[in-house]
Amino acid sequence: IRRGSGTTTAPNSTLYLRTISGTVTTNNAATGGATVSIVGTTALGTSFTAADVTSASDGTYSFTGVPAGTYKLHAVKGSLRADLTLSVTRTADRTKITLPLITQNLVGTVTVLQPSTGGTPAYAGNVIVALVGSNSKTLATTLTNADGSYGFGVVPAGSYVIVAGTSA
């Protein structure tokens, strides 16, 4: 700002707002009813979160008024989910972004420490493993394979505790 000249010059403060839109899919088919969210950091370093939207029956979703920056798109429908990181520039909208929903399988391996071998881990086969929900209820059980591996099929998003018990 120059004093005494009768004019004021301010830095360019234009805020560029863009549209982010696309389609939620499952196995390449449009998926309606998915909750889509966006959260990230604008190019100016401030955090930005838009209200969640629900994909339409044809799978489409749209966010308007998104400032330039880096964002994470997240979609969920039941036990299916999708996550994507994207950059939004000030020069163009981001459209036709597909969010492919996938199932979430919970897998792991049970090992035990063998005192006879100085505490060396060994795979634990034929062990009962329980999937416990946030309400402390057992939701499912399974047995480990000979190599100690186990898996629970489709598991909805959430917090769980895995409890490995005794041999069956």
C-alpha atoms as a PDB file:
ATOM      1  CA  ILE A   1       0.000   0.000   0.000  1.00  0.00           C
ATOM      2  CA  ARG A   2       1.417   3.316  -1.050  1.00  0.00           C
ATOM      3  CA  ARG A   3       0.709   6.267   1.133  1.00  0.00           C
ATOM      4  CA  GLY A   4      -0.316   9.610  -0.222  1.00  0.00           C
ATOM      5  CA  SER A   5      -0.886   8.527  -3.789  1.00  0.00           C
ATOM      6  CA  GLY A   6      -4.645   8.209  -3.473  1.00  0.00           C
ATOM      7  CA  THR A   7      -4.606   4.559  -4.546  1.00  0.00           C
ATOM      8  CA  THR A   8      -4.469   1.372  -2.560  1.00  0.00           C
ATOM      9  CA  THR A   9      -2.996  -1.808  -3.987  1.00  0.00           C
ATOM     10  CA  ALA A  10      -3.781  -5.084  -2.228  1.00  0.00           C
ATOM     11  CA  PRO A  11      -2.314  -8.470  -3.037  1.00  0.00           C
ATOM     12  CA  ASN A  12      -4.352 -10.807  -5.207  1.00  0.00           C
ATOM     13  CA  SER A  13      -6.842 -12.419  -2.838  1.00  0.00           C
ATOM     14  CA  THR A  14      -9.002 -14.273  -5.347  1.00  0.00           C
ATOM     15  CA  LEU A  15     -10.330 -17.518  -3.891  1.00  0.00           C
ATOM     16  CA  TYR A  16     -10.754 -20.205  -6.523  1.00  0.00           C
ATOM     17  CA  LEU A  17     -13.534 -22.650  -5.654  1.00  0.00           C
ATOM     18  CA  ARG A  18     -13.882 -25.842  -7.615  1.00  0.00           C
ATOM     19  CA  THR A  19     -16.284 -28.728  -8.035  1.00  0.00           C
ATOM     20  CA  ILE A  20     -15.317 -32.320  -7.273  1.00  0.00           C
ATOM     21  CA  SER A  21     -17.688 -34.914  -8.692  1.00  0.00           C
ATOM     22  CA  GLY A  22     -17.794 -38.464  -9.910  1.00  0.00           C
ATOM     23  CA  THR A  23     -19.385 -41.868  -9.451  1.00  0.00           C
ATOM     24  CA  VAL A  24     -19.318 -44.476  -6.707  1.00  0.00           C
ATOM     25  CA  THR A  25     -19.131 -48.020  -8.089  1.00  0.00           C
ATOM     26  CA  THR A  26     -19.129 -51.625  -6.904  1.00  0.00           C
ATOM     27  CA  ASN A  27     -17.704 -54.160  -9.374  1.00  0.00           C
ATOM     28  CA  ASN A  28     -17.912 -51.479 -12.103  1.00  0.00           C
ATOM     29  CA  ALA A  29     -21.653 -50.899 -11.467  1.00  0.00           C
ATOM     30  CA  ALA A  30     -22.976 -47.554 -10.219  1.00  0.00           C
ATOM     31  CA  THR A  31     -23.768 -47.626  -6.494  1.00  0.00           C
ATOM     32  CA  GLY A  32     -26.343 -45.337  -4.947  1.00  0.00           C
ATOM     33  CA  GLY A  33     -26.748 -44.722  -1.240  1.00  0.00           C
ATOM     34  CA  ALA A  34     -23.038 -44.515  -0.379  1.00  0.00           C
ATOM     35  CA  THR A  35     -21.887 -41.812   2.038  1.00  0.00           C
ATOM     36  CA  VAL A  36     -19.079 -39.737   0.494  1.00  0.00           C
ATOM     37  CA  SER A  37     -16.908 -37.344   2.489  1.00  0.00           C
ATOM     38  CA  ILE A  38     -14.031 -35.015   1.703  1.00  0.00           C
ATOM     39  CA  VAL A  39     -11.425 -33.652   4.112  1.00  0.00           C
ATOM     40  CA  GLY A  40      -8.026 -32.075   3.578  1.00  0.00           C
ATOM     41  CA  THR A  41      -5.831 -29.005   3.533  1.00  0.00           C
ATOM     42  CA  THR A  42      -6.286 -26.001   1.270  1.00  0.00           C
ATOM     43  CA  ALA A  43      -3.416 -24.499  -0.702  1.00  0.00           C
ATOM     44  CA  LEU A  44      -3.334 -21.778   1.978  1.00  0.00           C
ATOM     45  CA  GLY A  45      -2.678 -24.396   4.672  1.00  0.00           C
ATOM     46  CA  THR A  46      -6.082 -24.330   6.363  1.00  0.00           C
ATOM     47  CA  SER A  47      -8.149 -27.461   6.958  1.00  0.00           C
ATOM     48  CA  PHE A  48     -11.290 -28.018   4.911  1.00  0.00           C
ATOM     49  CA  THR A  49     -14.146 -30.452   5.482  1.00  0.00           C
ATOM     50  CA  ALA A  50     -17.361 -30.476   3.469  1.00  0.00           C
ATOM     51  CA  ALA A  51     -20.650 -31.922   4.646  1.00  0.00           C
ATOM     52  CA  ASP A  52     -21.080 -35.580   3.711  1.00  0.00           C
ATOM     53  CA  VAL A  53     -23.144 -36.314   0.617  1.00  0.00           C
ATOM     54  CA  THR A  54     -25.013 -39.471  -0.386  1.00  0.00           C
ATOM     55  CA  SER A  55     -24.468 -40.856  -3.868  1.00  0.00           C
ATOM     56  CA  ALA A  56     -27.571 -40.742  -6.052  1.00  0.00           C
ATOM     57  CA  SER A  57     -29.220 -43.913  -7.396  1.00  0.00           C
ATOM     58  CA  ASP A  58     -26.938 -43.652 -10.463  1.00  0.00           C
ATOM     59  CA  GLY A  59     -23.883 -43.519  -8.157  1.00  0.00           C
ATOM     60  CA  THR A  60     -23.073 -39.852  -8.773  1.00  0.00           C
ATOM     61  CA  TYR A  61     -21.871 -37.460  -6.086  1.00  0.00           C
ATOM     62  CA  SER A  62     -20.725 -33.840  -6.132  1.00  0.00           C
ATOM     63  CA  PHE A  63     -19.020 -31.320  -3.862  1.00  0.00           C
ATOM     64  CA  THR A  64     -19.051 -27.634  -4.818  1.00  0.00           C
ATOM     65  CA  GLY A  65     -17.071 -24.733  -3.380  1.00  0.00           C
ATOM     66  CA  VAL A  66     -13.889 -26.708  -2.733  1.00  0.00           C
ATOM     67  CA  PRO A  67     -10.757 -24.519  -2.529  1.00  0.00           C
ATOM     68  CA  ALA A  68      -7.495 -25.575  -4.187  1.00  0.00           C
ATOM     69  CA  GLY A  69      -5.587 -28.053  -2.017  1.00  0.00           C
ATOM     70  CA  THR A  70      -4.980 -31.716  -1.217  1.00  0.00           C
ATOM     71  CA  TYR A  71      -7.902 -33.861  -0.100  1.00  0.00           C
ATOM     72  CA  LYS A  72      -8.960 -37.366   0.801  1.00  0.00           C
ATOM     73  CA  LEU A  73     -12.230 -38.645  -0.610  1.00  0.00           C
ATOM     74  CA  HIS A  74     -13.847 -41.445   1.382  1.00  0.00           C
ATOM     75  CA  ALA A  75     -16.922 -43.460   0.435  1.00  0.00           C
ATOM     76  CA  VAL A  76     -18.668 -46.131   2.483  1.00  0.00           C
ATOM     77  CA  LYS A  77     -21.758 -48.266   2.080  1.00  0.00           C
ATOM     78  CA  GLY A  78     -22.226 -51.042   4.597  1.00  0.00           C
ATOM     79  CA  SER A  79     -19.008 -53.050   4.667  1.00  0.00           C
ATOM     80  CA  LEU A  80     -17.783 -51.584   1.368  1.00  0.00           C
ATOM     81  CA  ARG A  81     -15.413 -48.637   1.281  1.00  0.00           C
ATOM     82  CA  ALA A  82     -13.152 -46.561  -0.978  1.00  0.00           C
ATOM     83  CA  ASP A  83     -10.424 -44.026  -0.215  1.00  0.00           C
ATOM     84  CA  LEU A  84      -8.661 -41.726  -2.652  1.00  0.00           C
ATOM     85  CA  THR A  85      -6.221 -38.822  -2.284  1.00  0.00           C
ATOM     86  CA  LEU A  86      -6.401 -36.045  -4.870  1.00  0.00           C
ATOM     87  CA  SER A  87      -5.109 -32.562  -5.566  1.00  0.00           C
ATOM     88  CA  VAL A  88      -7.445 -29.761  -6.554  1.00  0.00           C
ATOM     89  CA  THR A  89      -5.889 -26.920  -8.535  1.00  0.00           C
ATOM     90  CA  ARG A  90      -7.232 -23.417  -8.910  1.00  0.00           C
ATOM     91  CA  THR A  91      -7.551 -23.811 -12.681  1.00  0.00           C
ATOM     92  CA  ALA A  92      -9.899 -26.760 -13.179  1.00  0.00           C
ATOM     93  CA  ASP A  93     -12.746 -28.715 -11.627  1.00  0.00           C
ATOM     94  CA  ARG A  94     -12.107 -32.380 -10.818  1.00  0.00           C
ATOM     95  CA  THR A  95     -14.851 -34.426 -12.397  1.00  0.00           C
ATOM     96  CA  LYS A  96     -15.386 -38.059 -13.346  1.00  0.00           C
ATOM     97  CA  ILE A  97     -13.589 -39.317 -10.231  1.00  0.00           C
ATOM     98  CA  THR A  98     -14.603 -42.936  -9.700  1.00  0.00           C
ATOM     99  CA  LEU A  99     -14.645 -44.291  -6.143  1.00  0.00           C
ATOM    100  CA  PRO A 100     -14.656 -48.111  -6.461  1.00  0.00           C
ATOM    101  CA  LEU A 101     -16.055 -49.680  -3.288  1.00  0.00           C
ATOM    102  CA  ILE A 102     -14.336 -52.842  -2.099  1.00  0.00           C
ATOM    103  CA  THR A 103     -15.030 -55.294   0.676  1.00  0.00           C
ATOM    104  CA  GLN A 104     -12.981 -55.126   3.836  1.00  0.00           C
ATOM    105  CA  ASN A 105     -11.656 -58.498   4.926  1.00  0.00           C
ATOM    106  CA  LEU A 106      -9.957 -58.848   8.276  1.00  0.00           C
ATOM    107  CA  VAL A 107      -6.990 -61.241   8.223  1.00  0.00           C
ATOM    108  CA  GLY A 108      -4.066 -61.950  10.507  1.00  0.00           C
ATOM    109  CA  THR A 109      -1.671 -64.504  11.909  1.00  0.00           C
ATOM    110  CA  VAL A 110      -1.448 -65.966  15.402  1.00  0.00           C
ATOM    111  CA  THR A 111       1.992 -66.806  16.761  1.00  0.00           C
ATOM    112  CA  VAL A 112       3.071 -68.050  20.171  1.00  0.00           C
ATOM    113  CA  LEU A 113       6.389 -67.683  21.951  1.00  0.00           C
ATOM    114  CA  GLN A 114       8.010 -71.058  22.539  1.00  0.00           C
ATOM    115  CA  PRO A 115       9.749 -71.064  25.954  1.00  0.00           C
ATOM    116  CA  SER A 116      11.566 -74.267  24.972  1.00  0.00           C
ATOM    117  CA  THR A 117      13.324 -72.408  22.141  1.00  0.00           C
ATOM    118  CA  GLY A 118      14.175 -69.272  24.087  1.00  0.00           C
ATOM    119  CA  GLY A 119      11.018 -67.388  23.191  1.00  0.00           C
ATOM    120  CA  THR A 120      11.195 -67.897  19.436  1.00  0.00           C
ATOM    121  CA  PRO A 121       7.813 -67.176  17.804  1.00  0.00           C
ATOM    122  CA  ALA A 122       6.047 -70.118  16.190  1.00  0.00           C
ATOM    123  CA  TYR A 123       2.854 -70.233  14.166  1.00  0.00           C
ATOM    124  CA  ALA A 124      -0.189 -71.370  16.127  1.00  0.00           C
ATOM    125  CA  GLY A 125      -2.455 -73.653  14.138  1.00  0.00           C
ATOM    126  CA  ASN A 126      -5.946 -74.767  15.155  1.00  0.00           C
ATOM    127  CA  VAL A 127      -6.443 -71.858  17.594  1.00  0.00           C
ATOM    128  CA  ILE A 128      -9.867 -70.288  18.158  1.00  0.00           C
ATOM    129  CA  VAL A 129      -9.911 -66.594  17.170  1.00  0.00           C
ATOM    130  CA  ALA A 130     -12.848 -64.346  18.090  1.00  0.00           C
ATOM    131  CA  LEU A 131     -13.900 -61.053  16.525  1.00  0.00           C
ATOM    132  CA  VAL A 132     -15.304 -58.873  19.327  1.00  0.00           C
ATOM    133  CA  GLY A 133     -17.316 -55.712  18.632  1.00  0.00           C
ATOM    134  CA  SER A 134     -17.207 -52.386  20.482  1.00  0.00           C
ATOM    135  CA  ASN A 135     -20.132 -53.615  22.608  1.00  0.00           C
ATOM    136  CA  SER A 136     -17.911 -56.481  23.924  1.00  0.00           C
ATOM    137  CA  LYS A 137     -20.041 -59.069  22.105  1.00  0.00           C
ATOM    138  CA  THR A 138     -18.388 -61.843  20.102  1.00  0.00           C
ATOM    139  CA  LEU A 139     -19.459 -61.272  16.502  1.00  0.00           C
ATOM    140  CA  ALA A 140     -17.713 -64.253  14.887  1.00  0.00           C
ATOM    141  CA  THR A 141     -15.183 -66.993  15.567  1.00  0.00           C
ATOM    142  CA  THR A 142     -12.828 -68.943  13.346  1.00  0.00           C
ATOM    143  CA  LEU A 143      -9.909 -71.384  13.603  1.00  0.00           C
ATOM    144  CA  THR A 144      -6.379 -70.604  12.501  1.00  0.00           C
ATOM    145  CA  ASN A 145      -4.840 -72.626   9.692  1.00  0.00           C
ATOM    146  CA  ALA A 146      -1.679 -74.689  10.258  1.00  0.00           C
ATOM    147  CA  ASP A 147       0.427 -71.606   9.438  1.00  0.00           C
ATOM    148  CA  GLY A 148      -1.414 -69.542  12.095  1.00  0.00           C
ATOM    149  CA  SER A 149      -3.372 -67.503   9.546  1.00  0.00           C
ATOM    150  CA  TYR A 150      -7.037 -66.645  10.019  1.00  0.00           C
ATOM    151  CA  GLY A 151      -9.591 -64.476   8.324  1.00  0.00           C
ATOM    152  CA  PHE A 152     -13.018 -63.033   8.779  1.00  0.00           C
ATOM    153  CA  GLY A 153     -14.953 -62.351   5.571  1.00  0.00           C
ATOM    154  CA  VAL A 154     -16.626 -59.025   4.993  1.00  0.00           C
ATOM    155  CA  VAL A 155     -16.287 -56.857   8.099  1.00  0.00           C
ATOM    156  CA  PRO A 156     -18.094 -53.502   8.339  1.00  0.00           C
ATOM    157  CA  ALA A 157     -16.018 -50.424   9.123  1.00  0.00           C
ATOM    158  CA  GLY A 158     -15.580 -50.038  12.860  1.00  0.00           C
ATOM    159  CA  SER A 159     -13.437 -50.850  15.894  1.00  0.00           C
ATOM    160  CA  TYR A 160     -12.867 -54.454  16.893  1.00  0.00           C
ATOM    161  CA  VAL A 161     -10.798 -56.560  19.261  1.00  0.00           C
ATOM    162  CA  ILE A 162      -9.265 -59.842  18.117  1.00  0.00           C
ATOM    163  CA  VAL A 163      -9.009 -62.472  20.853  1.00  0.00           C
ATOM    164  CA  ALA A 164      -6.914 -65.598  20.274  1.00  0.00           C
ATOM    165  CA  GLY A 165      -7.923 -68.413  22.610  1.00  0.00           C
ATOM    166  CA  THR A 166      -6.910 -71.992  23.197  1.00  0.00           C
ATOM    167  CA  SER A 167      -6.514 -74.758  20.676  1.00  0.00           C
ATOM    168  CA  ALA A 168      -9.740 -76.331  19.489  1.00  0.00           C
END
